[in-house]
Amino acid sequence: MLIADAHCDSMLDVIRGVRHLYTASSKGHVDFPRLREAGVKIQVFALFIESIYKPNGALKRALQMISAFFDEVEAADGLVEHITTTSQLEKVLLDPKAVGAILSIEGGEALEGDIRVLDCLYRLGVRSIGLTWNQRNQIADGVGERDTKGGLTRFGKEVVKRMNELGMLIDLAHISENGFWDVINLSSKPVIVSHANCQSVFMHPRNLSNQQILALKETKGLMGITYAPEYVSEKPSLDALIKHIDHVCQLTGCADLVCLGSDFDGTNPMIPGLEEVTKVPALIKKLEKLGYKTQDIEKLMGENLIKILKATL
């Protein structure tokens, strides 16, 4: 079954000198050989801009991580292909041995308030940007600033419009609720919340309300269910995680809105049963036992994310 994941932070280990992704490792949650072993066809690699590099130094840090990503892909000697176009995506999907990597930046601070930087990052192969992390930046307020009731800035609106024009996937994970609604009302293309769960199942500021989930359905967007325990339950488990998937499917009446947004290598430990990427097929078996139809499982595991990538790139 085709598997695609909308968010991992594995490049943090590379830039910090902990390990490489082009070789199998017992460290961390994701590397290129383990992606192939797990059957992951498409992996979005987020370049997380740590708080120490904000606001000054965010662009430099992003460029360092992009360079490191290129080094990892080159050293993988054909194991992974960096995808920037729909034709490349289609090629990877047709090759039974290929693994595709989408490059994303987590934190719009990397733009440093300059729309031309967005164009440069696009030319370097970045195809998705998480507009904020938890803090406020030049684009919008993050969820950590939600009490201010702030949303998109004028520059943020410019960024949304330009990302639509370029064919970049807008990621609203971590953005304030007002910022979420601003983007929903402005974007001419579907957006993604790459890693979050449901407030109705487990209350956390980073999880989405029913209204937000329904708005994503209305605009043909996508929600990446995350395995990060702090967004799952007080007692995280596979069953608790699936309650979030159940809720979205029941609320929207379909399985078209959900994808995987693991947040591998972004938090530790993960929930039991999904400790690292080779465990992901266990989620398929669990869904089968619970009576999910094969065609719906295929959507959740990868087809939904592939669909929005094809519509965006």
C-alpha atoms as a PDB file:
ATOM      1  CA  MET A   1       0.000   0.000   0.000  1.00  0.00           C
ATOM      2  CA  LEU A   2       1.319   3.426  -0.960  1.00  0.00           C
ATOM      3  CA  ILE A   3       2.411   5.433   2.105  1.00  0.00           C
ATOM      4  CA  ALA A   4       3.073   9.183   2.157  1.00  0.00           C
ATOM      5  CA  ASP A   5       3.929  11.338   5.166  1.00  0.00           C
ATOM      6  CA  ALA A   6       3.380  15.100   5.299  1.00  0.00           C
ATOM      7  CA  HIS A   7       5.903  15.966   8.011  1.00  0.00           C
ATOM      8  CA  CYS A   8       9.132  14.811   9.617  1.00  0.00           C
ATOM      9  CA  ASP A   9      11.949  16.790  11.244  1.00  0.00           C
ATOM     10  CA  SER A  10      14.754  14.341  10.498  1.00  0.00           C
ATOM     11  CA  MET A  11      17.027  16.964   8.930  1.00  0.00           C
ATOM     12  CA  LEU A  12      17.539  18.389  12.427  1.00  0.00           C
ATOM     13  CA  ASP A  13      19.707  15.367  13.284  1.00  0.00           C
ATOM     14  CA  VAL A  14      21.756  15.934  10.133  1.00  0.00           C
ATOM     15  CA  ILE A  15      22.399  19.633  10.678  1.00  0.00           C
ATOM     16  CA  ARG A  16      23.268  18.972  14.327  1.00  0.00           C
ATOM     17  CA  GLY A  17      25.788  16.301  13.307  1.00  0.00           C
ATOM     18  CA  VAL A  18      23.965  13.433  15.029  1.00  0.00           C
ATOM     19  CA  ARG A  19      23.661  11.145  11.993  1.00  0.00           C
ATOM     20  CA  HIS A  20      23.121  10.958   8.225  1.00  0.00           C
ATOM     21  CA  LEU A  21      19.909   9.959   6.480  1.00  0.00           C
ATOM     22  CA  TYR A  22      21.529   8.202   3.532  1.00  0.00           C
ATOM     23  CA  THR A  23      22.584   5.280   5.707  1.00  0.00           C
ATOM     24  CA  ALA A  24      20.502   3.074   7.986  1.00  0.00           C
ATOM     25  CA  SER A  25      20.756   4.023  11.636  1.00  0.00           C
ATOM     26  CA  SER A  26      19.459   2.883  15.003  1.00  0.00           C
ATOM     27  CA  LYS A  27      19.185   6.555  15.965  1.00  0.00           C
ATOM     28  CA  GLY A  28      16.157   8.708  15.284  1.00  0.00           C
ATOM     29  CA  HIS A  29      12.919   7.765  13.569  1.00  0.00           C
ATOM     30  CA  VAL A  30      13.563   8.188   9.838  1.00  0.00           C
ATOM     31  CA  ASP A  31      16.357   7.584   7.347  1.00  0.00           C
ATOM     32  CA  PHE A  32      16.290   6.844   3.634  1.00  0.00           C
ATOM     33  CA  PRO A  33      16.843   3.054   3.864  1.00  0.00           C
ATOM     34  CA  ARG A  34      14.139   2.738   6.527  1.00  0.00           C
ATOM     35  CA  LEU A  35      11.707   4.725   4.368  1.00  0.00           C
ATOM     36  CA  ARG A  36      12.121   2.139   1.624  1.00  0.00           C
ATOM     37  CA  GLU A  37      11.848  -0.726   4.112  1.00  0.00           C
ATOM     38  CA  ALA A  38       8.599   0.721   5.490  1.00  0.00           C
ATOM     39  CA  GLY A  39       7.120   1.245   2.041  1.00  0.00           C
ATOM     40  CA  VAL A  40       6.982   5.023   2.368  1.00  0.00           C
ATOM     41  CA  LYS A  41       6.756   6.382  -1.158  1.00  0.00           C
ATOM     42  CA  ILE A  42       6.683  10.123  -0.429  1.00  0.00           C
ATOM     43  CA  GLN A  43       8.175  11.872   2.594  1.00  0.00           C
ATOM     44  CA  VAL A  44       7.959  15.599   3.256  1.00  0.00           C
ATOM     45  CA  PHE A  45      11.159  16.722   4.975  1.00  0.00           C
ATOM     46  CA  ALA A  46      10.586  19.862   7.024  1.00  0.00           C
ATOM     47  CA  LEU A  47      13.529  22.146   7.731  1.00  0.00           C
ATOM     48  CA  PHE A  48      12.751  23.399  11.215  1.00  0.00           C
ATOM     49  CA  ILE A  49      14.187  26.805  12.066  1.00  0.00           C
ATOM     50  CA  GLU A  50      15.113  26.621  15.740  1.00  0.00           C
ATOM     51  CA  SER A  51      14.207  29.553  17.993  1.00  0.00           C
ATOM     52  CA  ILE A  52      17.862  30.498  18.535  1.00  0.00           C
ATOM     53  CA  TYR A  53      18.012  31.545  14.862  1.00  0.00           C
ATOM     54  CA  LYS A  54      14.933  33.790  15.071  1.00  0.00           C
ATOM     55  CA  PRO A  55      14.482  36.501  14.004  1.00  0.00           C
ATOM     56  CA  ASN A  56      18.087  37.120  12.921  1.00  0.00           C
ATOM     57  CA  GLY A  57      19.772  34.257  11.128  1.00  0.00           C
ATOM     58  CA  ALA A  58      16.655  32.349  10.034  1.00  0.00           C
ATOM     59  CA  LEU A  59      17.427  32.578   6.316  1.00  0.00           C
ATOM     60  CA  LYS A  60      21.050  31.562   6.810  1.00  0.00           C
ATOM     61  CA  ARG A  61      19.955  28.557   8.849  1.00  0.00           C
ATOM     62  CA  ALA A  62      17.427  27.565   6.191  1.00  0.00           C
ATOM     63  CA  LEU A  63      20.102  27.756   3.485  1.00  0.00           C
ATOM     64  CA  GLN A  64      22.471  25.649   5.585  1.00  0.00           C
ATOM     65  CA  MET A  65      19.779  22.994   5.959  1.00  0.00           C
ATOM     66  CA  ILE A  66      18.887  23.067   2.260  1.00  0.00           C
ATOM     67  CA  SER A  67      22.554  22.505   1.407  1.00  0.00           C
ATOM     68  CA  ALA A  68      22.739  19.644   3.905  1.00  0.00           C
ATOM     69  CA  PHE A  69      19.585  18.107   2.386  1.00  0.00           C
ATOM     70  CA  PHE A  70      21.162  18.200  -1.091  1.00  0.00           C
ATOM     71  CA  ASP A  71      24.260  16.479   0.320  1.00  0.00           C
ATOM     72  CA  GLU A  72      22.133  13.716   1.880  1.00  0.00           C
ATOM     73  CA  VAL A  73      20.203  13.080  -1.336  1.00  0.00           C
ATOM     74  CA  GLU A  74      23.383  13.036  -3.431  1.00  0.00           C
ATOM     75  CA  ALA A  75      25.104  10.641  -1.033  1.00  0.00           C
ATOM     76  CA  ALA A  76      22.062   8.335  -1.172  1.00  0.00           C
ATOM     77  CA  ASP A  77      23.122   7.490  -4.756  1.00  0.00           C
ATOM     78  CA  GLY A  78      19.662   7.248  -6.284  1.00  0.00           C
ATOM     79  CA  LEU A  79      17.827   5.834  -3.258  1.00  0.00           C
ATOM     80  CA  VAL A  80      15.841   9.064  -2.861  1.00  0.00           C
ATOM     81  CA  GLU A  81      14.708  11.581  -5.477  1.00  0.00           C
ATOM     82  CA  HIS A  82      14.080  15.214  -4.613  1.00  0.00           C
ATOM     83  CA  ILE A  83      10.665  16.032  -6.098  1.00  0.00           C
ATOM     84  CA  THR A  84       9.903  19.535  -7.360  1.00  0.00           C
ATOM     85  CA  THR A  85       7.421  18.920 -10.195  1.00  0.00           C
ATOM     86  CA  THR A  86       4.358  16.815 -10.902  1.00  0.00           C
ATOM     87  CA  SER A  87       6.240  14.905 -13.609  1.00  0.00           C
ATOM     88  CA  GLN A  88       8.929  13.930 -11.084  1.00  0.00           C
ATOM     89  CA  LEU A  89       6.216  12.871  -8.666  1.00  0.00           C
ATOM     90  CA  GLU A  90       4.587  10.694 -11.307  1.00  0.00           C
ATOM     91  CA  LYS A  91       7.953   9.134 -12.169  1.00  0.00           C
ATOM     92  CA  VAL A  92       8.594   8.170  -8.550  1.00  0.00           C
ATOM     93  CA  LEU A  93       5.101   6.734  -8.181  1.00  0.00           C
ATOM     94  CA  LEU A  94       5.679   4.486 -11.192  1.00  0.00           C
ATOM     95  CA  ASP A  95       9.081   3.226  -9.972  1.00  0.00           C
ATOM     96  CA  PRO A  96       8.587   0.423  -7.411  1.00  0.00           C
ATOM     97  CA  LYS A  97      11.994   1.068  -5.830  1.00  0.00           C
ATOM     98  CA  ALA A  98      11.976   4.866  -5.725  1.00  0.00           C
ATOM     99  CA  VAL A  99      11.362   7.081  -2.681  1.00  0.00           C
ATOM    100  CA  GLY A 100      10.426  10.719  -3.207  1.00  0.00           C
ATOM    101  CA  ALA A 101      11.375  13.610  -0.943  1.00  0.00           C
ATOM    102  CA  ILE A 102       9.495  16.918  -0.799  1.00  0.00           C
ATOM    103  CA  LEU A 103      11.372  19.833   0.762  1.00  0.00           C
ATOM    104  CA  SER A 104       9.508  22.075   3.208  1.00  0.00           C
ATOM    105  CA  ILE A 105      10.476  24.866   5.605  1.00  0.00           C
ATOM    106  CA  GLU A 106       8.848  24.987   9.036  1.00  0.00           C
ATOM    107  CA  GLY A 107       8.781  28.658   9.974  1.00  0.00           C
ATOM    108  CA  GLY A 108       8.212  31.631   7.686  1.00  0.00           C
ATOM    109  CA  GLU A 109      10.947  33.540   9.511  1.00  0.00           C
ATOM    110  CA  ALA A 110      13.214  32.166   6.791  1.00  0.00           C
ATOM    111  CA  LEU A 111      11.744  34.709   4.366  1.00  0.00           C
ATOM    112  CA  GLU A 112      12.935  37.563   6.602  1.00  0.00           C
ATOM    113  CA  GLY A 113      10.068  39.710   5.365  1.00  0.00           C
ATOM    114  CA  ASP A 114      11.177  39.706   1.715  1.00  0.00           C
ATOM    115  CA  ILE A 115       8.975  38.181  -0.982  1.00  0.00           C
ATOM    116  CA  ARG A 116      11.974  37.768  -3.287  1.00  0.00           C
ATOM    117  CA  VAL A 117      13.430  35.319  -0.782  1.00  0.00           C
ATOM    118  CA  LEU A 118      10.337  33.166  -1.311  1.00  0.00           C
ATOM    119  CA  ASP A 119      11.089  33.041  -5.034  1.00  0.00           C
ATOM    120  CA  CYS A 120      14.709  32.097  -4.305  1.00  0.00           C
ATOM    121  CA  LEU A 121      13.668  29.282  -1.982  1.00  0.00           C
ATOM    122  CA  TYR A 122      11.320  28.017  -4.667  1.00  0.00           C
ATOM    123  CA  ARG A 123      14.199  27.959  -7.160  1.00  0.00           C
ATOM    124  CA  LEU A 124      16.207  25.960  -4.627  1.00  0.00           C
ATOM    125  CA  GLY A 125      13.506  23.300  -4.625  1.00  0.00           C
ATOM    126  CA  VAL A 126      11.394  24.206  -1.579  1.00  0.00           C
ATOM    127  CA  ARG A 127       7.790  23.262  -2.330  1.00  0.00           C
ATOM    128  CA  SER A 128       6.025  23.858   0.986  1.00  0.00           C
ATOM    129  CA  ILE A 129       6.302  26.362   3.823  1.00  0.00           C
ATOM    130  CA  GLY A 130       4.799  26.234   7.291  1.00  0.00           C
ATOM    131  CA  LEU A 131       3.873  29.901   7.619  1.00  0.00           C
ATOM    132  CA  THR A 132       4.590  30.011  11.350  1.00  0.00           C
ATOM    133  CA  TRP A 133       5.853  27.954  14.185  1.00  0.00           C
ATOM    134  CA  ASN A 134       4.436  28.841  17.606  1.00  0.00           C
ATOM    135  CA  GLN A 135       5.747  32.413  17.698  1.00  0.00           C
ATOM    136  CA  ARG A 136       4.710  35.527  15.827  1.00  0.00           C
ATOM    137  CA  ASN A 137       6.699  36.321  12.692  1.00  0.00           C
ATOM    138  CA  GLN A 138       6.486  38.681   9.719  1.00  0.00           C
ATOM    139  CA  ILE A 139       3.774  36.526   8.113  1.00  0.00           C
ATOM    140  CA  ALA A 140       1.332  35.844  10.950  1.00  0.00           C
ATOM    141  CA  ASP A 141       0.869  35.010  14.613  1.00  0.00           C
ATOM    142  CA  GLY A 142       1.673  31.485  15.672  1.00  0.00           C
ATOM    143  CA  VAL A 143      -0.559  29.496  17.988  1.00  0.00           C
ATOM    144  CA  GLY A 144       1.622  30.552  20.930  1.00  0.00           C
ATOM    145  CA  GLU A 145       0.428  34.131  20.367  1.00  0.00           C
ATOM    146  CA  ARG A 146      -3.239  33.195  19.996  1.00  0.00           C
ATOM    147  CA  ASP A 147      -4.346  35.528  22.838  1.00  0.00           C
ATOM    148  CA  THR A 148      -3.543  38.540  20.658  1.00  0.00           C
ATOM    149  CA  LYS A 149      -6.203  37.388  18.135  1.00  0.00           C
ATOM    150  CA  GLY A 150      -3.747  38.263  15.351  1.00  0.00           C
ATOM    151  CA  GLY A 151      -3.808  36.695  11.917  1.00  0.00           C
ATOM    152  CA  LEU A 152      -2.054  37.359   8.618  1.00  0.00           C
ATOM    153  CA  THR A 153      -0.043  40.529   8.173  1.00  0.00           C
ATOM    154  CA  ARG A 154       0.006  42.458   4.896  1.00  0.00           C
ATOM    155  CA  PHE A 155       3.247  40.682   4.077  1.00  0.00           C
ATOM    156  CA  GLY A 156       1.602  37.372   5.007  1.00  0.00           C
ATOM    157  CA  LYS A 157      -1.172  37.983   2.498  1.00  0.00           C
ATOM    158  CA  GLU A 158       1.465  38.676  -0.144  1.00  0.00           C
ATOM    159  CA  VAL A 159       3.181  35.391   0.734  1.00  0.00           C
ATOM    160  CA  VAL A 160      -0.053  33.381   0.429  1.00  0.00           C
ATOM    161  CA  LYS A 161      -0.824  34.845  -2.975  1.00  0.00           C
ATOM    162  CA  ARG A 162       2.714  34.274  -4.241  1.00  0.00           C
ATOM    163  CA  MET A 163       2.807  30.676  -2.981  1.00  0.00           C
ATOM    164  CA  ASN A 164      -0.427  30.046  -4.877  1.00  0.00           C
ATOM    165  CA  GLU A 165       1.147  31.475  -8.032  1.00  0.00           C
ATOM    166  CA  LEU A 166       4.371  29.494  -7.709  1.00  0.00           C
ATOM    167  CA  GLY A 167       2.736  26.166  -6.869  1.00  0.00           C
ATOM    168  CA  MET A 168       3.859  25.798  -3.261  1.00  0.00           C
ATOM    169  CA  LEU A 169       1.852  23.929  -0.640  1.00  0.00           C
ATOM    170  CA  ILE A 170       0.790  26.228   2.220  1.00  0.00           C
ATOM    171  CA  ASP A 171       1.103  24.534   5.614  1.00  0.00           C
ATOM    172  CA  LEU A 172      -1.001  25.916   8.494  1.00  0.00           C
ATOM    173  CA  ALA A 173       0.328  23.706  11.292  1.00  0.00           C
ATOM    174  CA  HIS A 174       1.203  25.923  14.305  1.00  0.00           C
ATOM    175  CA  ILE A 175      -0.594  29.050  13.022  1.00  0.00           C
ATOM    176  CA  SER A 176      -3.045  30.992  15.229  1.00  0.00           C
ATOM    177  CA  GLU A 177      -6.725  30.335  14.649  1.00  0.00           C
ATOM    178  CA  ASN A 178      -7.252  33.835  13.219  1.00  0.00           C
ATOM    179  CA  GLY A 179      -4.333  33.225  10.880  1.00  0.00           C
ATOM    180  CA  PHE A 180      -5.889  29.921   9.830  1.00  0.00           C
ATOM    181  CA  TRP A 181      -9.142  31.628   8.857  1.00  0.00           C
ATOM    182  CA  ASP A 182      -7.321  34.438   7.057  1.00  0.00           C
ATOM    183  CA  VAL A 183      -5.509  31.910   4.853  1.00  0.00           C
ATOM    184  CA  ILE A 184      -8.627  29.795   4.267  1.00  0.00           C
ATOM    185  CA  ASN A 185     -10.451  32.906   3.027  1.00  0.00           C
ATOM    186  CA  LEU A 186      -7.532  34.149   0.900  1.00  0.00           C
ATOM    187  CA  SER A 187      -5.856  31.113  -0.681  1.00  0.00           C
ATOM    188  CA  SER A 188      -6.974  30.163  -4.177  1.00  0.00           C
ATOM    189  CA  LYS A 189      -5.583  26.637  -3.716  1.00  0.00           C
ATOM    190  CA  PRO A 190      -6.102  23.929  -1.097  1.00  0.00           C
ATOM    191  CA  VAL A 191      -3.913  24.109   2.013  1.00  0.00           C
ATOM    192  CA  ILE A 192      -2.627  21.507   4.432  1.00  0.00           C
ATOM    193  CA  VAL A 193      -2.280  21.302   8.186  1.00  0.00           C
ATOM    194  CA  SER A 194       0.619  18.891   8.077  1.00  0.00           C
ATOM    195  CA  HIS A 195       0.674  17.656  11.670  1.00  0.00           C
ATOM    196  CA  ALA A 196      -2.195  18.188  14.116  1.00  0.00           C
ATOM    197  CA  ASN A 197      -5.099  16.301  15.661  1.00  0.00           C
ATOM    198  CA  CYS A 198      -8.659  17.011  16.844  1.00  0.00           C
ATOM    199  CA  GLN A 199      -9.646  19.234  19.757  1.00  0.00           C
ATOM    200  CA  SER A 200     -12.897  17.318  20.162  1.00  0.00           C
ATOM    201  CA  VAL A 201     -10.926  14.157  20.910  1.00  0.00           C
ATOM    202  CA  PHE A 202      -8.096  15.726  22.930  1.00  0.00           C
ATOM    203  CA  MET A 203      -7.881  19.395  23.817  1.00  0.00           C
ATOM    204  CA  HIS A 204      -4.590  21.009  22.824  1.00  0.00           C
ATOM    205  CA  PRO A 205      -4.081  24.486  21.308  1.00  0.00           C
ATOM    206  CA  ARG A 206      -2.320  22.933  18.314  1.00  0.00           C
ATOM    207  CA  ASN A 207      -5.220  20.610  17.526  1.00  0.00           C
ATOM    208  CA  LEU A 208      -8.036  21.696  15.207  1.00  0.00           C
ATOM    209  CA  SER A 209     -11.625  22.554  16.062  1.00  0.00           C
ATOM    210  CA  ASN A 210     -14.523  20.946  14.213  1.00  0.00           C
ATOM    211  CA  GLN A 211     -15.080  24.241  12.383  1.00  0.00           C
ATOM    212  CA  GLN A 212     -11.494  24.242  11.127  1.00  0.00           C
ATOM    213  CA  ILE A 213     -11.736  20.616  10.014  1.00  0.00           C
ATOM    214  CA  LEU A 214     -14.946  21.308   8.100  1.00  0.00           C
ATOM    215  CA  ALA A 215     -13.357  24.369   6.487  1.00  0.00           C
ATOM    216  CA  LEU A 216     -10.513  22.183   5.216  1.00  0.00           C
ATOM    217  CA  LYS A 217     -13.100  19.830   3.729  1.00  0.00           C
ATOM    218  CA  GLU A 218     -14.933  22.713   2.077  1.00  0.00           C
ATOM    219  CA  THR A 219     -11.735  24.030   0.486  1.00  0.00           C
ATOM    220  CA  LYS A 220     -10.445  20.526  -0.454  1.00  0.00           C
ATOM    221  CA  GLY A 221      -7.548  20.825   1.960  1.00  0.00           C
ATOM    222  CA  LEU A 222      -5.882  18.143   4.042  1.00  0.00           C
ATOM    223  CA  MET A 223      -5.117  17.330   7.670  1.00  0.00           C
ATOM    224  CA  GLY A 224      -2.059  15.312   8.665  1.00  0.00           C
ATOM    225  CA  ILE A 225      -2.752  13.210  11.761  1.00  0.00           C
ATOM    226  CA  THR A 226       0.317  13.337  13.982  1.00  0.00           C
ATOM    227  CA  TYR A 227       1.739  10.577  16.164  1.00  0.00           C
ATOM    228  CA  ALA A 228       3.294  13.090  18.599  1.00  0.00           C
ATOM    229  CA  PRO A 229       1.950  11.959  22.008  1.00  0.00           C
ATOM    230  CA  GLU A 230       1.202  15.446  23.348  1.00  0.00           C
ATOM    231  CA  TYR A 231      -1.489  15.894  20.678  1.00  0.00           C
ATOM    232  CA  VAL A 232      -3.000  12.399  20.973  1.00  0.00           C
ATOM    233  CA  SER A 233      -4.102  11.678  24.527  1.00  0.00           C
ATOM    234  CA  GLU A 234      -3.074  11.706  28.155  1.00  0.00           C
ATOM    235  CA  LYS A 235      -2.416   8.004  27.590  1.00  0.00           C
ATOM    236  CA  PRO A 236      -1.201   7.885  23.979  1.00  0.00           C
ATOM    237  CA  SER A 237      -1.651   4.640  22.069  1.00  0.00           C
ATOM    238  CA  LEU A 238      -2.510   3.390  18.601  1.00  0.00           C
ATOM    239  CA  ASP A 239      -6.147   3.166  19.635  1.00  0.00           C
ATOM    240  CA  ALA A 240      -6.094   6.745  20.925  1.00  0.00           C
ATOM    241  CA  LEU A 241      -4.505   7.936  17.672  1.00  0.00           C
ATOM    242  CA  ILE A 242      -7.157   6.203  15.573  1.00  0.00           C
ATOM    243  CA  LYS A 243      -9.870   8.015  17.554  1.00  0.00           C
ATOM    244  CA  HIS A 244      -8.644  11.204  15.854  1.00  0.00           C
ATOM    245  CA  ILE A 245      -8.878   9.562  12.423  1.00  0.00           C
ATOM    246  CA  ASP A 246     -12.347   8.243  13.306  1.00  0.00           C
ATOM    247  CA  HIS A 247     -13.489  11.691  14.379  1.00  0.00           C
ATOM    248  CA  VAL A 248     -12.422  13.391  11.156  1.00  0.00           C
ATOM    249  CA  CYS A 249     -13.982  10.687   8.994  1.00  0.00           C
ATOM    250  CA  GLN A 250     -17.265  10.753  10.921  1.00  0.00           C
ATOM    251  CA  LEU A 251     -17.413  14.559  11.052  1.00  0.00           C
ATOM    252  CA  THR A 252     -16.787  14.966   7.321  1.00  0.00           C
ATOM    253  CA  GLY A 253     -18.575  11.825   6.194  1.00  0.00           C
ATOM    254  CA  CYS A 254     -15.601  10.573   4.190  1.00  0.00           C
ATOM    255  CA  ALA A 255     -11.937   9.544   4.321  1.00  0.00           C
ATOM    256  CA  ASP A 256     -10.803  12.279   1.925  1.00  0.00           C
ATOM    257  CA  LEU A 257      -9.466  14.780   4.473  1.00  0.00           C
ATOM    258  CA  VAL A 258      -6.903  12.731   6.407  1.00  0.00           C
ATOM    259  CA  CYS A 259      -3.272  11.950   5.679  1.00  0.00           C
ATOM    260  CA  LEU A 260      -0.278  11.000   7.800  1.00  0.00           C
ATOM    261  CA  GLY A 261       1.714  13.755   9.499  1.00  0.00           C
ATOM    262  CA  SER A 262       3.936  11.735  11.772  1.00  0.00           C
ATOM    263  CA  ASP A 263       6.228  14.464  13.183  1.00  0.00           C
ATOM    264  CA  PHE A 264       8.934  11.797  13.328  1.00  0.00           C
ATOM    265  CA  ASP A 265      12.192  13.182  14.742  1.00  0.00           C
ATOM    266  CA  GLY A 266      10.271  16.234  15.956  1.00  0.00           C
ATOM    267  CA  THR A 267       9.458  14.786  19.363  1.00  0.00           C
ATOM    268  CA  ASN A 268      10.498  11.827  21.478  1.00  0.00           C
ATOM    269  CA  PRO A 269       9.328   9.290  22.500  1.00  0.00           C
ATOM    270  CA  MET A 270       6.580   8.527  20.012  1.00  0.00           C
ATOM    271  CA  ILE A 271       3.441   6.570  20.876  1.00  0.00           C
ATOM    272  CA  PRO A 272       3.869   2.827  21.485  1.00  0.00           C
ATOM    273  CA  GLY A 273       3.570   0.901  18.240  1.00  0.00           C
ATOM    274  CA  LEU A 274       4.756   3.804  16.081  1.00  0.00           C
ATOM    275  CA  GLU A 275       8.196   4.350  17.547  1.00  0.00           C
ATOM    276  CA  GLU A 276       9.863   4.840  14.156  1.00  0.00           C
ATOM    277  CA  VAL A 277       9.044   4.680  10.462  1.00  0.00           C
ATOM    278  CA  THR A 278       9.283   0.905   9.944  1.00  0.00           C
ATOM    279  CA  LYS A 279       6.404   0.520  12.418  1.00  0.00           C
ATOM    280  CA  VAL A 280       3.969   2.499  10.239  1.00  0.00           C
ATOM    281  CA  PRO A 281       2.543  -0.599   8.465  1.00  0.00           C
ATOM    282  CA  ALA A 282       1.164  -1.599  11.884  1.00  0.00           C
ATOM    283  CA  LEU A 283      -1.270   1.285  11.497  1.00  0.00           C
ATOM    284  CA  ILE A 284      -2.613  -0.322   8.321  1.00  0.00           C
ATOM    285  CA  LYS A 285      -3.208  -3.612  10.126  1.00  0.00           C
ATOM    286  CA  LYS A 286      -4.924  -1.806  13.000  1.00  0.00           C
ATOM    287  CA  LEU A 287      -7.281   0.035  10.653  1.00  0.00           C
ATOM    288  CA  GLU A 288      -8.084  -3.227   8.857  1.00  0.00           C
ATOM    289  CA  LYS A 289      -8.965  -4.928  12.148  1.00  0.00           C
ATOM    290  CA  LEU A 290     -11.261  -2.044  13.020  1.00  0.00           C
ATOM    291  CA  GLY A 291     -13.204  -2.574   9.804  1.00  0.00           C
ATOM    292  CA  TYR A 292     -11.923   0.280   7.653  1.00  0.00           C
ATOM    293  CA  LYS A 293     -12.434  -0.379   3.955  1.00  0.00           C
ATOM    294  CA  THR A 294      -9.284  -0.963   1.922  1.00  0.00           C
ATOM    295  CA  GLN A 295     -10.010   2.002  -0.360  1.00  0.00           C
ATOM    296  CA  ASP A 296     -10.345   4.316   2.650  1.00  0.00           C
ATOM    297  CA  ILE A 297      -7.117   3.041   4.217  1.00  0.00           C
ATOM    298  CA  GLU A 298      -5.348   3.680   0.907  1.00  0.00           C
ATOM    299  CA  LYS A 299      -6.589   7.272   0.965  1.00  0.00           C
ATOM    300  CA  LEU A 300      -5.445   7.823   4.557  1.00  0.00           C
ATOM    301  CA  MET A 301      -2.054   6.211   4.106  1.00  0.00           C
ATOM    302  CA  GLY A 302      -1.012   8.099   1.003  1.00  0.00           C
ATOM    303  CA  GLU A 303      -3.476   8.768  -1.784  1.00  0.00           C
ATOM    304  CA  ASN A 304      -4.928  11.934  -0.228  1.00  0.00           C
ATOM    305  CA  LEU A 305      -1.516  13.547   0.159  1.00  0.00           C
ATOM    306  CA  ILE A 306      -0.487  12.523  -3.362  1.00  0.00           C
ATOM    307  CA  LYS A 307      -3.684  14.092  -4.684  1.00  0.00           C
ATOM    308  CA  ILE A 308      -3.049  17.508  -3.103  1.00  0.00           C
ATOM    309  CA  LEU A 309       0.580  17.465  -4.247  1.00  0.00           C
ATOM    310  CA  LYS A 310      -0.536  16.810  -7.816  1.00  0.00           C
ATOM    311  CA  ALA A 311      -3.007  19.697  -7.526  1.00  0.00           C
ATOM    312  CA  THR A 312      -0.360  22.076  -6.184  1.00  0.00           C
ATOM    313  CA  LEU A 313       3.054  21.427  -7.750  1.00  0.00           C
END
